[in-house]
């Protein structure tokens, strides 16, 4: 992986660049929402 600031090669597991000290930008991890099963049908869904 290349450092976003100085463009030098840094190891994937690095948190900071070994050359310029810039923090490695990490892709934010998306958390899946746990389904609670509490969603009651809306009045529009009950229509019929």
PDB file of N, CA and C in Angstrom:
ATOM      1  N   UNK A   1       0.843  -1.172   0.000  1.00  0.00           N
ATOM      2  CA  UNK A   1       0.000   0.000   0.000  1.00  0.00           C
ATOM      3  C   UNK A   1       0.884   1.229   0.000  1.00  0.00           C
ATOM      4  N   UNK A   2       0.452   2.279  -0.666  1.00  0.00           N
ATOM      5  CA  UNK A   2       1.205   3.527  -0.733  1.00  0.00           C
ATOM      6  C   UNK A   2       0.647   4.540   0.256  1.00  0.00           C
ATOM      7  N   UNK A   3       1.554   5.309   0.865  1.00  0.00           N
ATOM      8  CA  UNK A   3       1.167   6.389   1.765  1.00  0.00           C
ATOM      9  C   UNK A   3       0.441   7.458   0.955  1.00  0.00           C
ATOM     10  N   UNK A   4      -0.661   7.961   1.501  1.00  0.00           N
ATOM     11  CA  UNK A   4      -1.442   8.988   0.813  1.00  0.00           C
ATOM     12  C   UNK A   4      -0.702  10.324   0.770  1.00  0.00           C
ATOM     13  N   UNK A   5       0.207  10.547   1.715  1.00  0.00           N
ATOM     14  CA  UNK A   5       0.899  11.833   1.787  1.00  0.00           C
ATOM     15  C   UNK A   5       2.200  11.829   0.981  1.00  0.00           C
ATOM     16  N   UNK A   6       3.113  10.872   1.267  1.00  0.00           N
ATOM     17  CA  UNK A   6       4.423  10.898   0.612  1.00  0.00           C
ATOM     18  C   UNK A   6       4.549   9.891  -0.535  1.00  0.00           C
ATOM     19  N   UNK A   7       3.521   9.048  -0.708  1.00  0.00           N
ATOM     20  CA  UNK A   7       3.433   8.092  -1.824  1.00  0.00           C
ATOM     21  C   UNK A   7       4.456   6.960  -1.759  1.00  0.00           C
ATOM     22  N   UNK A   8       5.099   6.777  -0.599  1.00  0.00           N
ATOM     23  CA  UNK A   8       6.054   5.668  -0.464  1.00  0.00           C
ATOM     24  C   UNK A   8       5.320   4.410  -0.046  1.00  0.00           C
ATOM     25  N   UNK A   9       5.934   3.273  -0.327  1.00  0.00           N
ATOM     26  CA  UNK A   9       5.360   1.966  -0.016  1.00  0.00           C
ATOM     27  C   UNK A   9       5.435   1.715   1.488  1.00  0.00           C
ATOM     28  N   UNK A  10       4.283   1.372   2.089  1.00  0.00           N
ATOM     29  CA  UNK A  10       4.240   1.027   3.507  1.00  0.00           C
ATOM     30  C   UNK A  10       3.511  -0.303   3.663  1.00  0.00           C
ATOM     31  N   UNK A  11       3.843  -1.056   4.719  1.00  0.00           N
ATOM     32  CA  UNK A  11       3.174  -2.341   4.936  1.00  0.00           C
ATOM     33  C   UNK A  11       1.679  -2.163   5.190  1.00  0.00           C
ATOM     34  N   UNK A  12       0.892  -3.130   4.767  1.00  0.00           N
ATOM     35  CA  UNK A  12      -0.563  -3.094   4.947  1.00  0.00           C
ATOM     36  C   UNK A  12      -0.957  -2.973   6.408  1.00  0.00           C
ATOM     37  N   UNK A  13      -0.228  -3.632   7.300  1.00  0.00           N
ATOM     38  CA  UNK A  13      -0.601  -3.654   8.711  1.00  0.00           C
ATOM     39  C   UNK A  13      -0.166  -2.398   9.476  1.00  0.00           C
ATOM     40  N   UNK A  14       0.561  -1.480   8.804  1.00  0.00           N
ATOM     41  CA  UNK A  14       1.006  -0.253   9.459  1.00  0.00           C
ATOM     42  C   UNK A  14      -0.161   0.669   9.759  1.00  0.00           C
ATOM     43  N   UNK A  15      -0.066   1.356  10.889  1.00  0.00           N
ATOM     44  CA  UNK A  15      -1.063   2.342  11.259  1.00  0.00           C
ATOM     45  C   UNK A  15      -0.624   3.724  10.782  1.00  0.00           C
ATOM     46  N   UNK A  16       0.700   3.951  10.753  1.00  0.00           N
ATOM     47  CA  UNK A  16       1.287   5.204  10.310  1.00  0.00           C
ATOM     48  C   UNK A  16       2.360   4.918   9.273  1.00  0.00           C
ATOM     49  N   UNK A  17       2.642   5.912   8.441  1.00  0.00           N
ATOM     50  CA  UNK A  17       3.710   5.792   7.455  1.00  0.00           C
ATOM     51  C   UNK A  17       5.056   5.764   8.173  1.00  0.00           C
ATOM     52  N   UNK A  18       5.921   4.835   7.791  1.00  0.00           N
ATOM     53  CA  UNK A  18       7.243   4.717   8.402  1.00  0.00           C
ATOM     54  C   UNK A  18       8.173   5.839   7.961  1.00  0.00           C
ATOM     55  N   UNK A  19       7.832   6.553   6.906  1.00  0.00           N
ATOM     56  CA  UNK A  19       8.701   7.581   6.350  1.00  0.00           C
ATOM     57  C   UNK A  19       8.305   8.991   6.799  1.00  0.00           C
ATOM     58  N   UNK A  20       7.038   9.340   6.655  1.00  0.00           N
ATOM     59  CA  UNK A  20       6.616  10.713   6.971  1.00  0.00           C
ATOM     60  C   UNK A  20       5.758  10.804   8.227  1.00  0.00           C
ATOM     61  N   UNK A  21       5.305   9.668   8.750  1.00  0.00           N
ATOM     62  CA  UNK A  21       4.528   9.664   9.991  1.00  0.00           C
ATOM     63  C   UNK A  21       3.048   9.943   9.824  1.00  0.00           C
ATOM     64  N   UNK A  22       2.613  10.073   8.588  1.00  0.00           N
ATOM     65  CA  UNK A  22       1.197  10.352   8.349  1.00  0.00           C
ATOM     66  C   UNK A  22       0.357   9.147   8.756  1.00  0.00           C
ATOM     67  N   UNK A  23      -0.811   9.383   9.363  1.00  0.00           N
ATOM     68  CA  UNK A  23      -1.690   8.261   9.707  1.00  0.00           C
ATOM     69  C   UNK A  23      -2.227   7.607   8.444  1.00  0.00           C
ATOM     70  N   UNK A  24      -2.294   6.296   8.488  1.00  0.00           N
ATOM     71  CA  UNK A  24      -2.830   5.552   7.361  1.00  0.00           C
ATOM     72  C   UNK A  24      -4.340   5.715   7.362  1.00  0.00           C
ATOM     73  N   UNK A  25      -4.886   6.054   6.237  1.00  0.00           N
ATOM     74  CA  UNK A  25      -6.336   6.190   6.140  1.00  0.00           C
ATOM     75  C   UNK A  25      -6.935   4.804   5.995  1.00  0.00           C
ATOM     76  N   UNK A  26      -7.841   4.524   6.880  1.00  0.00           N
ATOM     77  CA  UNK A  26      -8.510   3.235   6.840  1.00  0.00           C
ATOM     78  C   UNK A  26      -9.931   3.429   6.367  1.00  0.00           C
ATOM     79  N   UNK A  27     -10.404   2.486   5.605  1.00  0.00           N
ATOM     80  CA  UNK A  27     -11.795   2.530   5.171  1.00  0.00           C
ATOM     81  C   UNK A  27     -12.660   2.262   6.390  1.00  0.00           C
ATOM     82  N   UNK A  28     -13.656   3.082   6.603  1.00  0.00           N
ATOM     83  CA  UNK A  28     -14.524   2.839   7.756  1.00  0.00           C
ATOM     84  C   UNK A  28     -15.256   1.515   7.617  1.00  0.00           C
ATOM     85  N   UNK A  29     -15.267   0.788   8.714  1.00  0.00           N
ATOM     86  CA  UNK A  29     -15.977  -0.489   8.712  1.00  0.00           C
ATOM     87  C   UNK A  29     -17.443  -0.229   8.999  1.00  0.00           C
ATOM     88  N   UNK A  30     -18.283  -0.716   8.129  1.00  0.00           N
ATOM     89  CA  UNK A  30     -19.717  -0.540   8.337  1.00  0.00           C
ATOM     90  C   UNK A  30     -20.233  -1.640   9.244  1.00  0.00           C
ATOM     91  N   UNK A  31     -21.011  -1.229  10.211  1.00  0.00           N
ATOM     92  CA  UNK A  31     -21.607  -2.195  11.119  1.00  0.00           C
ATOM     93  C   UNK A  31     -23.011  -2.508  10.635  1.00  0.00           C
ATOM     94  N   UNK A  32     -23.298  -3.780  10.555  1.00  0.00           N
ATOM     95  CA  UNK A  32     -24.641  -4.181  10.164  1.00  0.00           C
ATOM     96  C   UNK A  32     -25.546  -4.029  11.367  1.00  0.00           C
ATOM     97  N   UNK A  33     -26.715  -3.476  11.126  1.00  0.00           N
ATOM     98  CA  UNK A  33     -27.677  -3.347  12.212  1.00  0.00           C
ATOM     99  C   UNK A  33     -28.291  -4.702  12.498  1.00  0.00           C
ATOM    100  N   UNK A  34     -28.369  -5.013  13.739  1.00  0.00           N
ATOM    101  CA  UNK A  34     -28.990  -6.268  14.139  1.00  0.00           C
ATOM    102  C   UNK A  34     -30.497  -6.138  13.976  1.00  0.00           C
ATOM    103  N   UNK A  35     -31.076  -7.102  13.332  1.00  0.00           N
ATOM    104  CA  UNK A  35     -32.520  -7.068  13.157  1.00  0.00           C
ATOM    105  C   UNK A  35     -33.182  -7.456  14.470  1.00  0.00           C
ATOM    106  N   UNK A  36     -34.087  -6.605  14.921  1.00  0.00           N
ATOM    107  CA  UNK A  36     -34.724  -6.844  16.201  1.00  0.00           C
ATOM    108  C   UNK A  36     -36.017  -7.615  16.059  1.00  0.00           C
ATOM    109  N   UNK A  37     -36.617  -7.578  14.864  1.00  0.00           N
ATOM    110  CA  UNK A  37     -37.874  -8.288  14.664  1.00  0.00           C
ATOM    111  C   UNK A  37     -39.050  -7.599  15.322  1.00  0.00           C
ATOM    112  N   UNK A  38     -38.858  -6.327  15.726  1.00  0.00           N
ATOM    113  CA  UNK A  38     -39.912  -5.610  16.432  1.00  0.00           C
ATOM    114  C   UNK A  38     -40.749  -4.757  15.501  1.00  0.00           C
ATOM    115  N   UNK A  39     -40.482  -4.773  14.215  1.00  0.00           N
ATOM    116  CA  UNK A  39     -41.200  -3.909  13.289  1.00  0.00           C
ATOM    117  C   UNK A  39     -42.606  -4.407  13.016  1.00  0.00           C
ATOM    118  N   UNK A  40     -43.594  -3.731  13.550  1.00  0.00           N
ATOM    119  CA  UNK A  40     -44.988  -4.091  13.294  1.00  0.00           C
ATOM    120  C   UNK A  40     -45.373  -3.566  11.915  1.00  0.00           C
ATOM    121  N   UNK A  41     -46.268  -4.241  11.238  1.00  0.00           N
ATOM    122  CA  UNK A  41     -46.683  -3.756   9.923  1.00  0.00           C
ATOM    123  C   UNK A  41     -47.332  -2.382  10.041  1.00  0.00           C
ATOM    124  N   UNK A  42     -47.102  -1.557   9.043  1.00  0.00           N
ATOM    125  CA  UNK A  42     -47.693  -0.218   9.051  1.00  0.00           C
ATOM    126  C   UNK A  42     -49.149  -0.319   8.635  1.00  0.00           C
ATOM    127  N   UNK A  43     -49.882   0.752   8.826  1.00  0.00           N
ATOM    128  CA  UNK A  43     -51.299   0.738   8.476  1.00  0.00           C
ATOM    129  C   UNK A  43     -51.487   0.514   6.977  1.00  0.00           C
ATOM    130  N   UNK A  44     -50.546   1.007   6.165  1.00  0.00           N
ATOM    131  CA  UNK A  44     -50.635   0.811   4.719  1.00  0.00           C
ATOM    132  C   UNK A  44     -50.435  -0.664   4.374  1.00  0.00           C
ATOM    133  N   UNK A  45     -49.588  -1.351   5.127  1.00  0.00           N
ATOM    134  CA  UNK A  45     -49.342  -2.769   4.866  1.00  0.00           C
ATOM    135  C   UNK A  45     -50.539  -3.624   5.278  1.00  0.00           C
ATOM    136  N   UNK A  46     -51.299  -3.158   6.269  1.00  0.00           N
ATOM    137  CA  UNK A  46     -52.440  -3.907   6.743  1.00  0.00           C
ATOM    138  C   UNK A  46     -53.687  -3.667   5.895  1.00  0.00           C
ATOM    139  N   UNK A  47     -53.584  -2.723   4.976  1.00  0.00           N
ATOM    140  CA  UNK A  47     -54.728  -2.331   4.143  1.00  0.00           C
ATOM    141  C   UNK A  47     -55.131  -3.514   3.250  1.00  0.00           C
ATOM    142  N   UNK A  48     -56.312  -3.997   3.399  1.00  0.00           N
ATOM    143  CA  UNK A  48     -56.739  -5.033   2.481  1.00  0.00           C
ATOM    144  C   UNK A  48     -57.403  -6.140   3.065  1.00  0.00           C
TER     145      UNK A  48
END
